């Protein structure tokens, strides 16, 4: 079993419930979330570097493992979705192709990006979303952290969509989705029915981030983001507010019987020019 050579990496403990496959030699720590860590490893069987996602504590990665097997069955790795190799240790260990850097860090290093560079990346992600739509899967967590540049030196504009831990099938749209606020689609805020279209909204937010190197809708709450949406896109049409089940929480009727966004007494201004970006 591999071990960490750097003291800056977190202390990850492997136990009998989550055995780490001995075929992998750990090279370095790449990142972590609430339920898993990601490690760069050397696969002694294939003699290749791979990215290994390993569950933390009581967590399992069964859902993501099943989703990745489904996507690989439909060859989505040929449509800019991360290639999934194997799962080990009762789905506590998932093995993916190794990529270079996430898009968030790539933007920081390379900003300002040229329009052609942005177009090339967005076209690849649109291809990935088209593939997901055909197999009736919603990613639901598209953001710059979940997009990887394959190799910034050799293939600086080739990207892959990663992290399908929150992905769901289109027939599961009754489930609540906890989407990142900066990329959260309006239908989720308003309690409207959602579909694969919410991934398109998130992709548009990614495109804005690539262009401006800042978040398009940097609200700290659903209400603040509705303010930003109104500033940029105009008021929500009445028929849309009529259909949502959270309308009275955010809107009120005007004297002309039209829906208008409520004024938050704790918010000095909702205008984009009136607040800084994170």
Protein backbone atom coordinates (compact mmCIF):
# COMPACT_ATOMS: atom_id res chain seq x y z
CA UNK A 1 0.00 0.00 0.00
CA UNK A 2 1.18 3.48 -0.84
CA UNK A 3 1.68 6.17 1.75
CA UNK A 4 1.84 9.95 1.74
CA UNK A 5 5.30 11.42 1.50
CA UNK A 6 4.23 15.02 2.16
CA UNK A 7 3.29 16.30 5.61
CA UNK A 8 0.92 18.81 3.97
CA UNK A 9 -1.47 16.08 2.90
CA UNK A 10 -4.39 15.13 5.16
CA UNK A 11 -4.17 12.13 7.45
CA UNK A 12 -6.27 9.50 5.67
CA UNK A 13 -6.76 6.30 7.59
CA UNK A 14 -7.52 3.04 5.81
CA UNK A 15 -9.28 0.30 7.77
CA UNK A 16 -10.69 -3.16 7.19
CA UNK A 17 -14.04 -1.69 6.15
CA UNK A 18 -12.37 0.44 3.47
CA UNK A 19 -9.24 -1.43 2.37
CA UNK A 20 -7.10 0.49 -0.10
CA UNK A 21 -6.10 -1.76 -3.04
CA UNK A 22 -2.41 -2.62 -2.83
CA UNK A 23 -2.03 -2.37 -6.61
CA UNK A 24 -1.99 1.44 -6.26
CA UNK A 25 0.99 3.44 -5.07
CA UNK A 26 -0.07 6.84 -3.80
CA UNK A 27 1.85 9.68 -5.43
CA UNK A 28 0.09 12.72 -3.99
CA UNK A 29 -3.12 14.14 -2.60
CA UNK A 30 -5.26 15.99 -5.17
CA UNK A 31 -8.29 17.18 -3.24
CA UNK A 32 -11.22 16.24 -1.04
CA UNK A 33 -14.91 16.79 -0.46
CA UNK A 34 -17.27 15.93 2.32
CA UNK A 35 -17.44 12.24 1.50
CA UNK A 36 -14.22 11.38 -0.36
CA UNK A 37 -10.63 12.26 -1.12
CA UNK A 38 -8.95 12.13 -4.52
CA UNK A 39 -5.42 10.79 -4.87
CA UNK A 40 -2.99 10.62 -7.73
CA UNK A 41 -1.74 7.03 -7.83
CA UNK A 42 0.45 4.77 -9.90
CA UNK A 43 -1.35 1.61 -11.00
CA UNK A 44 1.23 -1.17 -10.75
CA UNK A 45 -0.93 -3.43 -12.96
CA UNK A 46 -1.31 -1.08 -15.94
CA UNK A 47 1.80 1.05 -15.23
CA UNK A 48 -0.23 4.25 -15.62
CA UNK A 49 -1.01 7.20 -13.39
CA UNK A 50 -4.67 7.29 -12.36
CA UNK A 51 -6.95 9.37 -10.17
CA UNK A 52 -8.37 7.36 -7.27
CA UNK A 53 -11.44 8.62 -5.44
CA UNK A 54 -11.57 7.03 -1.98
CA UNK A 55 -14.53 7.20 0.42
CA UNK A 56 -14.04 8.82 3.82
CA UNK A 57 -15.30 7.25 7.02
CA UNK A 58 -18.75 5.71 6.79
CA UNK A 59 -19.42 6.95 3.25
CA UNK A 60 -19.77 4.77 0.18
CA UNK A 61 -19.48 5.71 -3.48
CA UNK A 62 -21.98 3.13 -4.72
CA UNK A 63 -24.25 5.62 -6.49
CA UNK A 64 -21.39 7.24 -8.38
CA UNK A 65 -19.90 3.85 -9.25
CA UNK A 66 -23.21 2.66 -10.72
CA UNK A 67 -23.68 5.91 -12.60
CA UNK A 68 -20.16 5.76 -14.08
CA UNK A 69 -20.64 2.13 -15.17
CA UNK A 70 -23.87 3.19 -16.88
CA UNK A 71 -22.15 6.08 -18.66
CA UNK A 72 -19.23 3.91 -19.76
CA UNK A 73 -21.68 1.32 -21.09
CA UNK A 74 -23.00 4.07 -23.36
CA UNK A 75 -19.45 5.19 -24.24
CA UNK A 76 -19.84 8.67 -22.78
CA UNK A 77 -16.07 8.81 -22.26
CA UNK A 78 -15.98 9.42 -26.02
CA UNK A 79 -18.11 12.54 -25.48
CA UNK A 80 -15.89 14.39 -23.02
CA UNK A 81 -17.00 12.62 -19.83
CA UNK A 82 -14.18 11.41 -17.57
CA UNK A 83 -13.17 7.82 -18.28
CA UNK A 84 -13.99 5.42 -15.46
CA UNK A 85 -11.77 2.35 -15.08
CA UNK A 86 -12.77 0.28 -12.04
CA UNK A 87 -14.29 0.25 -8.59
CA UNK A 88 -12.80 -1.58 -5.62
CA UNK A 89 -13.48 -2.29 -1.96
CA UNK A 90 -17.27 -2.51 -2.21
CA UNK A 91 -17.47 0.73 -4.20
CA UNK A 92 -15.39 2.66 -1.68
CA UNK A 93 -12.62 3.20 -4.23
CA UNK A 94 -13.22 4.49 -7.77
CA UNK A 95 -10.49 4.72 -10.39
CA UNK A 96 -10.53 7.30 -13.19
CA UNK A 97 -8.22 8.54 -15.91
CA UNK A 98 -5.72 11.08 -14.64
CA UNK A 99 -6.21 14.70 -15.71
CA UNK A 100 -4.09 17.76 -15.08
CA UNK A 101 -5.91 20.72 -13.50
CA UNK A 102 -9.47 21.82 -12.87
CA UNK A 103 -10.96 24.62 -14.95
CA UNK A 104 -11.24 26.95 -11.97
CA UNK A 105 -7.47 26.95 -11.44
CA UNK A 106 -6.81 26.98 -15.18
CA UNK A 107 -8.85 30.20 -15.55
CA UNK A 108 -6.90 31.82 -12.70
CA UNK A 109 -3.62 30.99 -14.41
CA UNK A 110 -4.61 31.90 -17.96
CA UNK A 111 -7.06 34.80 -17.67
CA UNK A 112 -7.94 36.56 -19.89
CA UNK A 113 -8.89 33.69 -22.16
CA UNK A 114 -9.41 34.27 -25.86
CA UNK A 115 -12.92 33.91 -27.25
CA UNK A 116 -11.84 30.99 -29.42
CA UNK A 117 -10.44 29.21 -26.36
CA UNK A 118 -13.72 29.71 -24.48
CA UNK A 119 -15.69 28.51 -27.49
CA UNK A 120 -13.59 25.35 -27.79
CA UNK A 121 -14.11 24.43 -24.14
CA UNK A 122 -17.85 25.19 -24.12
CA UNK A 123 -18.38 23.16 -27.30
CA UNK A 124 -16.79 20.12 -25.64
CA UNK A 125 -18.97 20.50 -22.56
CA UNK A 126 -22.06 20.95 -24.73
CA UNK A 127 -21.14 17.69 -26.44
CA UNK A 128 -20.93 16.02 -23.03
CA UNK A 129 -24.35 17.38 -22.05
CA UNK A 130 -25.84 16.25 -25.35
CA UNK A 131 -24.55 12.75 -24.62
CA UNK A 132 -25.97 12.83 -21.09
CA UNK A 133 -29.34 13.98 -22.39
CA UNK A 134 -29.48 11.07 -24.83
CA UNK A 135 -28.98 8.57 -22.02
CA UNK A 136 -31.35 10.58 -19.78
CA UNK A 137 -28.88 11.64 -17.11
CA UNK A 138 -28.70 15.01 -15.31
CA UNK A 139 -25.27 15.90 -13.92
CA UNK A 140 -26.76 18.54 -11.57
CA UNK A 141 -23.40 19.79 -10.23
CA UNK A 142 -21.67 21.47 -13.15
CA UNK A 143 -19.15 24.07 -12.02
CA UNK A 144 -15.56 24.96 -12.82
CA UNK A 145 -14.27 22.63 -10.07
CA UNK A 146 -15.95 19.68 -11.82
CA UNK A 147 -14.38 20.30 -15.21
CA UNK A 148 -10.84 19.06 -15.79
CA UNK A 149 -8.24 20.15 -18.33
CA UNK A 150 -6.70 16.89 -19.56
CA UNK A 151 -3.16 18.18 -20.06
CA UNK A 152 -2.50 21.92 -19.96
CA UNK A 153 0.86 21.58 -21.71
CA UNK A 154 0.08 19.10 -24.48
CA UNK A 155 -3.71 19.56 -24.82
CA UNK A 156 -4.49 22.84 -23.01
CA UNK A 157 -8.03 23.12 -24.42
CA UNK A 158 -9.20 19.52 -24.03
CA UNK A 159 -11.58 19.14 -21.08
CA UNK A 160 -13.53 16.38 -19.33
CA UNK A 161 -16.63 16.56 -17.16
CA UNK A 162 -16.12 14.87 -13.78
CA UNK A 163 -17.83 14.13 -10.44
CA UNK A 164 -21.13 12.34 -11.02
CA UNK A 165 -21.77 11.81 -7.32
CA UNK A 166 -24.96 13.93 -7.48
CA UNK A 167 -26.03 12.84 -10.96
CA UNK A 168 -29.48 11.35 -11.42
CA UNK A 169 -31.61 9.81 -14.13
CA UNK A 170 -34.25 11.99 -15.78
CA UNK A 171 -37.04 9.90 -14.29
CA UNK A 172 -35.85 10.81 -10.77
CA UNK A 173 -36.68 14.51 -10.99
CA UNK A 174 -38.86 14.41 -7.89
CA UNK A 175 -35.65 14.26 -5.85
CA UNK A 176 -34.36 17.51 -4.29
CA UNK A 177 -31.07 18.81 -5.68
CA UNK A 178 -28.53 20.69 -3.59
CA UNK A 179 -26.82 22.62 -6.37
CA UNK A 180 -23.97 25.08 -5.84
CA UNK A 181 -25.59 28.51 -5.42
CA UNK A 182 -23.37 30.27 -7.97
CA UNK A 183 -24.49 27.81 -10.66
CA UNK A 184 -28.02 27.13 -9.37
CA UNK A 185 -30.77 27.16 -11.97
CA UNK A 186 -33.84 29.37 -11.40
CA UNK A 187 -36.23 26.41 -11.49
CA UNK A 188 -34.55 24.96 -8.41
CA UNK A 189 -34.83 28.25 -6.52
CA UNK A 190 -38.48 28.71 -7.46
CA UNK A 191 -39.55 25.11 -6.89
CA UNK A 192 -40.44 24.47 -10.54
CA UNK A 193 -40.12 21.11 -12.31
CA UNK A 194 -36.57 20.59 -13.53
CA UNK A 195 -34.91 18.65 -16.33
CA UNK A 196 -31.58 18.38 -18.13
CA UNK A 197 -32.00 22.08 -18.90
CA UNK A 198 -30.61 22.97 -15.46
CA UNK A 199 -27.21 21.70 -16.65
CA UNK A 200 -27.39 24.15 -19.55
CA UNK A 201 -27.95 27.02 -17.11
CA UNK A 202 -24.90 25.94 -15.13
CA UNK A 203 -22.87 25.70 -18.34
CA UNK A 204 -23.83 29.30 -19.14
CA UNK A 205 -22.54 30.33 -15.70
CA UNK A 206 -19.29 28.49 -16.44
CA UNK A 207 -18.97 30.38 -19.72
CA UNK A 208 -19.44 33.67 -17.88
CA UNK A 209 -16.75 32.68 -15.41
CA UNK A 210 -14.36 31.89 -18.26
CA UNK A 211 -15.03 35.21 -19.92
CA UNK A 212 -15.00 37.52 -16.90
CA UNK A 213 -13.01 35.53 -14.30
CA UNK A 214 -15.75 36.22 -11.77
CA UNK A 215 -19.04 34.64 -10.79
CA UNK A 216 -22.03 35.90 -12.79
CA UNK A 217 -24.51 35.54 -9.93
CA UNK A 218 -22.54 35.82 -6.65
CA UNK A 219 -25.50 35.82 -4.27
CA UNK A 220 -25.20 34.43 -0.76
CA UNK A 221 -28.83 33.25 -0.78
CA UNK A 222 -31.54 32.20 -3.20
CA UNK A 223 -33.16 35.61 -2.79
CA UNK A 224 -29.97 37.50 -3.66
CA UNK A 225 -29.50 35.40 -6.77
CA UNK A 226 -33.07 36.16 -7.85
CA UNK A 227 -32.09 39.83 -7.56
CA UNK A 228 -29.12 39.22 -9.83
CA UNK A 229 -31.26 37.28 -12.29
CA UNK A 230 -33.70 40.20 -12.41
CA UNK A 231 -30.89 42.73 -12.95
CA UNK A 232 -29.41 40.75 -15.84
CA UNK A 233 -32.44 39.09 -17.44
CA UNK A 234 -35.34 41.30 -16.37
CA UNK A 235 -38.37 40.45 -14.19
CA UNK A 236 -39.63 36.89 -14.14
CA UNK A 237 -42.76 36.55 -16.33
CA UNK A 238 -46.04 36.20 -14.44
CA UNK A 239 -46.85 32.80 -15.92
CA UNK A 240 -43.58 31.44 -14.51
CA UNK A 241 -44.19 32.83 -11.03
CA UNK A 242 -47.77 31.53 -11.14
CA UNK A 243 -46.43 28.02 -11.77
CA UNK A 244 -43.83 27.94 -8.98
CA UNK A 245 -44.65 26.69 -5.52
CA UNK A 246 -42.35 29.18 -3.78
CA UNK A 247 -43.75 32.33 -5.39
CA UNK A 248 -45.09 33.93 -2.19
CA UNK A 249 -41.73 33.54 -0.50
CA UNK A 250 -39.98 35.73 -3.05
CA UNK A 251 -42.69 37.73 -4.88
CA UNK A 252 -45.70 39.89 -4.15
CA UNK A 253 -48.48 41.32 -6.29
CA UNK A 254 -48.17 44.93 -7.43
CA UNK A 255 -51.04 47.43 -7.63
CA UNK A 256 -51.41 46.40 -11.27
CA UNK A 257 -51.74 42.74 -10.18
CA UNK A 258 -48.32 41.76 -11.54
CA UNK A 259 -45.73 39.74 -9.67
CA UNK A 260 -42.75 41.78 -8.45
CA UNK A 261 -39.76 40.68 -6.41
CA UNK A 262 -40.09 41.48 -2.73
CA UNK A 263 -37.74 44.02 -1.16
CA UNK A 264 -35.42 42.48 1.37
CA UNK A 265 -35.17 44.96 4.29
CA UNK A 266 -31.73 43.64 5.15
CA UNK A 267 -30.37 44.20 1.65
CA UNK A 268 -29.17 47.70 0.78
CA UNK A 269 -29.22 47.01 -2.94
CA UNK A 270 -29.73 44.10 -5.30
CA UNK A 271 -27.94 45.76 -8.17
CA UNK A 272 -24.81 44.20 -9.59
CA UNK A 273 -23.01 47.54 -9.42
CA UNK A 274 -23.85 47.83 -5.76
CA UNK A 275 -21.91 44.80 -4.49
CA UNK A 276 -18.56 43.22 -4.91
CA UNK A 277 -17.93 39.77 -6.28
CA UNK A 278 -16.38 36.94 -4.27
